[in-house]
C-alpha atoms as a PDB file:
ATOM      1  CA  UNK A   1     -19.524 -23.020 -14.349  1.00  0.00           C
ATOM      2  CA  UNK A   2     -18.925 -25.259 -11.454  1.00  0.00           C
ATOM      3  CA  UNK A   3     -18.763 -22.904  -8.409  1.00  0.00           C
ATOM      4  CA  UNK A   4     -15.179 -24.462  -7.132  1.00  0.00           C
ATOM      5  CA  UNK A   5     -14.240 -23.362 -10.670  1.00  0.00           C
ATOM      6  CA  UNK A   6     -15.818 -19.465 -10.301  1.00  0.00           C
ATOM      7  CA  UNK A   7     -13.643 -19.378  -7.113  1.00  0.00           C
ATOM      8  CA  UNK A   8     -10.811 -20.351  -8.501  1.00  0.00           C
ATOM      9  CA  UNK A   9     -11.215 -17.555 -11.130  1.00  0.00           C
ATOM     10  CA  UNK A  10     -11.998 -15.015  -8.780  1.00  0.00           C
ATOM     11  CA  UNK A  11      -8.948 -15.972  -6.761  1.00  0.00           C
ATOM     12  CA  UNK A  12      -7.477 -15.527  -9.524  1.00  0.00           C
ATOM     13  CA  UNK A  13      -8.046 -11.924 -10.315  1.00  0.00           C
ATOM     14  CA  UNK A  14      -7.345 -11.245  -6.677  1.00  0.00           C
ATOM     15  CA  UNK A  15      -4.021 -12.312  -6.735  1.00  0.00           C
ATOM     16  CA  UNK A  16      -3.259 -10.716  -9.822  1.00  0.00           C
ATOM     17  CA  UNK A  17      -4.749  -7.674  -8.780  1.00  0.00           C
ATOM     18  CA  UNK A  18      -2.222  -7.572  -5.644  1.00  0.00           C
ATOM     19  CA  UNK A  19       0.791  -9.120  -7.167  1.00  0.00           C
ATOM     20  CA  UNK A  20       0.867  -6.192  -9.730  1.00  0.00           C
ATOM     21  CA  UNK A  21      -0.300  -3.658  -7.374  1.00  0.00           C
ATOM     22  CA  UNK A  22       2.453  -4.364  -6.045  1.00  0.00           C
ATOM     23  CA  UNK A  23       4.424  -4.431  -9.040  1.00  0.00           C
ATOM     24  CA  UNK A  24       3.078  -1.394 -10.230  1.00  0.00           C
ATOM     25  CA  UNK A  25       4.553   0.405  -6.959  1.00  0.00           C
ATOM     26  CA  UNK A  26       7.850  -1.088  -6.705  1.00  0.00           C
ATOM     27  CA  UNK A  27       8.241   0.157 -10.901  1.00  0.00           C
ATOM     28  CA  UNK A  28       6.579   3.475  -9.880  1.00  0.00           C
ATOM     29  CA  UNK A  29       9.909   5.206  -9.858  1.00  0.00           C
ATOM     30  CA  UNK A  30      10.718   4.433 -13.079  1.00  0.00           C
ATOM     31  CA  UNK A  31       8.095   6.629 -14.924  1.00  0.00           C
ATOM     32  CA  UNK A  32       8.151  10.416 -15.301  1.00  0.00           C
ATOM     33  CA  UNK A  33       4.544  10.951 -15.599  1.00  0.00           C
ATOM     34  CA  UNK A  34       0.843   9.273 -16.500  1.00  0.00           C
ATOM     35  CA  UNK A  35      -0.473  11.574 -19.419  1.00  0.00           C
ATOM     36  CA  UNK A  36       1.293  14.565 -18.386  1.00  0.00           C
ATOM     37  CA  UNK A  37       0.703  14.218 -14.416  1.00  0.00           C
ATOM     38  CA  UNK A  38       1.741  13.202 -11.082  1.00  0.00           C
ATOM     39  CA  UNK A  39       1.433   9.376 -10.853  1.00  0.00           C
ATOM     40  CA  UNK A  40      -0.969   8.623  -8.171  1.00  0.00           C
ATOM     41  CA  UNK A  41      -1.987   5.538  -5.568  1.00  0.00           C
ATOM     42  CA  UNK A  42      -5.572   6.273  -7.996  1.00  0.00           C
ATOM     43  CA  UNK A  43      -3.846   5.739 -11.023  1.00  0.00           C
ATOM     44  CA  UNK A  44      -1.548   2.965 -10.103  1.00  0.00           C
ATOM     45  CA  UNK A  45      -4.655   0.211  -8.594  1.00  0.00           C
ATOM     46  CA  UNK A  46      -6.392   1.487 -11.992  1.00  0.00           C
ATOM     47  CA  UNK A  47      -3.421  -0.007 -13.512  1.00  0.00           C
ATOM     48  CA  UNK A  48      -3.045  -2.940 -11.505  1.00  0.00           C
ATOM     49  CA  UNK A  49      -6.494  -3.961 -12.118  1.00  0.00           C
ATOM     50  CA  UNK A  50      -6.293  -3.645 -15.872  1.00  0.00           C
ATOM     51  CA  UNK A  51      -3.133  -5.855 -15.595  1.00  0.00           C
ATOM     52  CA  UNK A  52      -5.262  -8.167 -13.733  1.00  0.00           C
ATOM     53  CA  UNK A  53      -7.877  -8.602 -15.841  1.00  0.00           C
ATOM     54  CA  UNK A  54      -5.499  -8.971 -19.028  1.00  0.00           C
ATOM     55  CA  UNK A  55      -3.672 -12.024 -16.514  1.00  0.00           C
ATOM     56  CA  UNK A  56      -7.139 -13.497 -15.821  1.00  0.00           C
ATOM     57  CA  UNK A  57      -7.819 -13.458 -19.888  1.00  0.00           C
ATOM     58  CA  UNK A  58      -4.350 -15.102 -20.569  1.00  0.00           C
ATOM     59  CA  UNK A  59      -4.926 -17.985 -18.344  1.00  0.00           C
ATOM     60  CA  UNK A  60      -7.961 -18.918 -19.268  1.00  0.00           C
ATOM     61  CA  UNK A  61      -6.826 -18.405 -23.119  1.00  0.00           C
ATOM     62  CA  UNK A  62      -4.003 -20.634 -21.559  1.00  0.00           C
ATOM     63  CA  UNK A  63      -6.308 -23.703 -19.804  1.00  0.00           C
ATOM     64  CA  UNK A  64      -8.486 -23.613 -22.669  1.00  0.00           C
ATOM     65  CA  UNK A  65      -5.499 -24.460 -25.503  1.00  0.00           C
ATOM     66  CA  UNK A  66      -4.978 -28.211 -24.857  1.00  0.00           C
ATOM     67  CA  UNK A  67      -1.394 -27.185 -27.038  1.00  0.00           C
ATOM     68  CA  UNK A  68      -0.323 -25.273 -24.097  1.00  0.00           C
ATOM     69  CA  UNK A  69      -1.296 -27.784 -20.968  1.00  0.00           C
ATOM     70  CA  UNK A  70       2.384 -28.459 -20.958  1.00  0.00           C
ATOM     71  CA  UNK A  71       4.297 -25.354 -21.971  1.00  0.00           C
ATOM     72  CA  UNK A  72       4.042 -23.309 -19.327  1.00  0.00           C
ATOM     73  CA  UNK A  73       6.521 -20.553 -21.901  1.00  0.00           C
ATOM     74  CA  UNK A  74       3.415 -19.872 -24.246  1.00  0.00           C
ATOM     75  CA  UNK A  75       1.362 -18.158 -20.920  1.00  0.00           C
ATOM     76  CA  UNK A  76       4.949 -16.527 -20.573  1.00  0.00           C
ATOM     77  CA  UNK A  77       5.292 -15.571 -24.150  1.00  0.00           C
ATOM     78  CA  UNK A  78       1.274 -14.309 -24.510  1.00  0.00           C
ATOM     79  CA  UNK A  79       2.368 -12.137 -21.734  1.00  0.00           C
ATOM     80  CA  UNK A  80       5.074 -10.659 -23.006  1.00  0.00           C
ATOM     81  CA  UNK A  81       3.711 -10.314 -26.188  1.00  0.00           C
ATOM     82  CA  UNK A  82       0.545  -8.015 -24.941  1.00  0.00           C
ATOM     83  CA  UNK A  83       2.628  -5.945 -22.964  1.00  0.00           C
ATOM     84  CA  UNK A  84       4.727  -5.037 -25.497  1.00  0.00           C
ATOM     85  CA  UNK A  85       1.541  -3.931 -27.545  1.00  0.00           C
ATOM     86  CA  UNK A  86       0.222  -2.310 -24.608  1.00  0.00           C
ATOM     87  CA  UNK A  87       3.619  -0.416 -24.168  1.00  0.00           C
ATOM     88  CA  UNK A  88       4.161   0.838 -27.632  1.00  0.00           C
ATOM     89  CA  UNK A  89       0.562   1.757 -27.618  1.00  0.00           C
ATOM     90  CA  UNK A  90       1.104   3.862 -24.801  1.00  0.00           C
ATOM     91  CA  UNK A  91       4.268   5.684 -25.611  1.00  0.00           C
ATOM     92  CA  UNK A  92       3.517   6.517 -28.983  1.00  0.00           C
ATOM     93  CA  UNK A  93       0.347   8.053 -27.467  1.00  0.00           C
ATOM     94  CA  UNK A  94       1.433   9.530 -24.780  1.00  0.00           C
ATOM     95  CA  UNK A  95      -0.133   7.608 -22.136  1.00  0.00           C
ATOM     96  CA  UNK A  96       3.126   7.233 -20.103  1.00  0.00           C
ATOM     97  CA  UNK A  97       6.743   8.415 -20.078  1.00  0.00           C
ATOM     98  CA  UNK A  98       9.787   6.651 -18.689  1.00  0.00           C
ATOM     99  CA  UNK A  99      12.628   8.634 -16.990  1.00  0.00           C
ATOM    100  CA  UNK A 100      16.197   7.675 -17.038  1.00  0.00           C
ATOM    101  CA  UNK A 101      16.376   5.041 -14.389  1.00  0.00           C
ATOM    102  CA  UNK A 102      13.983   2.860 -16.820  1.00  0.00           C
ATOM    103  CA  UNK A 103      15.765   0.219 -18.692  1.00  0.00           C
ATOM    104  CA  UNK A 104      15.043  -0.115 -21.887  1.00  0.00           C
ATOM    105  CA  UNK A 105      15.196  -3.159 -24.654  1.00  0.00           C
ATOM    106  CA  UNK A 106      17.238  -2.240 -27.256  1.00  0.00           C
ATOM    107  CA  UNK A 107      15.213  -2.463 -30.711  1.00  0.00           C
ATOM    108  CA  UNK A 108      12.009  -2.083 -28.954  1.00  0.00           C
ATOM    109  CA  UNK A 109      12.458   1.270 -27.496  1.00  0.00           C
ATOM    110  CA  UNK A 110      10.343   0.126 -24.601  1.00  0.00           C
ATOM    111  CA  UNK A 111      10.955  -0.373 -20.862  1.00  0.00           C
ATOM    112  CA  UNK A 112      12.403  -3.887 -19.462  1.00  0.00           C
ATOM    113  CA  UNK A 113      10.085  -4.102 -15.994  1.00  0.00           C
ATOM    114  CA  UNK A 114       6.817  -3.686 -17.729  1.00  0.00           C
ATOM    115  CA  UNK A 115       7.881  -5.713 -20.516  1.00  0.00           C
ATOM    116  CA  UNK A 116       7.912  -9.300 -18.380  1.00  0.00           C
ATOM    117  CA  UNK A 117       5.494  -7.753 -16.012  1.00  0.00           C
ATOM    118  CA  UNK A 118       2.384  -9.970 -17.377  1.00  0.00           C
ATOM    119  CA  UNK A 119       4.149 -12.876 -18.398  1.00  0.00           C
ATOM    120  CA  UNK A 120       5.984 -13.406 -15.112  1.00  0.00           C
ATOM    121  CA  UNK A 121       3.236 -12.771 -13.242  1.00  0.00           C
ATOM    122  CA  UNK A 122       0.955 -14.671 -15.107  1.00  0.00           C
ATOM    123  CA  UNK A 123       3.275 -17.761 -14.620  1.00  0.00           C
ATOM    124  CA  UNK A 124       3.476 -17.275 -11.359  1.00  0.00           C
ATOM    125  CA  UNK A 125       0.050 -17.022 -10.481  1.00  0.00           C
ATOM    126  CA  UNK A 126      -0.819 -19.774 -12.726  1.00  0.00           C
ATOM    127  CA  UNK A 127       1.569 -22.320 -11.062  1.00  0.00           C
ATOM    128  CA  UNK A 128      -0.010 -20.781  -7.718  1.00  0.00           C
ATOM    129  CA  UNK A 129      -3.130 -21.456  -8.173  1.00  0.00           C
ATOM    130  CA  UNK A 130      -3.071 -24.446  -9.884  1.00  0.00           C
ATOM    131  CA  UNK A 131      -0.288 -25.872  -8.169  1.00  0.00           C
ATOM    132  CA  UNK A 132       2.104 -27.123 -10.933  1.00  0.00           C
ATOM    133  CA  UNK A 133       4.874 -28.265 -11.338  1.00  0.00           C
ATOM    134  CA  UNK A 134       7.506 -28.186 -14.418  1.00  0.00           C
ATOM    135  CA  UNK A 135       6.537 -30.785 -17.078  1.00  0.00           C
ATOM    136  CA  UNK A 136       3.234 -30.712 -15.541  1.00  0.00           C
ATOM    137  CA  UNK A 137       1.962 -27.368 -16.549  1.00  0.00           C
END
């Protein structure tokens, strides 16, 4: 891997961590608890690290698949699918619970803000790093 390319992947991870940490803090009030306890900054930072790793993987995957180069919706859809799976698993295993303020997606029974987080931020980060315009993803 070229030195410039390594820097780009590191930058993606750092940007993904920073934006996810902000997102986690902004929507943390929509959760009742994490594993039955208080939601702390450490827990939010750990979640942001995991989200950053997922987004890095999503972007690498989307860059390797020629079909997805001109189709930003693929990266967004991939993020939403991953988020739905994570949310379903977390709710079923009791890792976290929503409070009454969380907007719930009908039929899925999961929160709106965590569902759009990976797809939206993955797309934004990709656009920032690769300076893409619509139609030239």
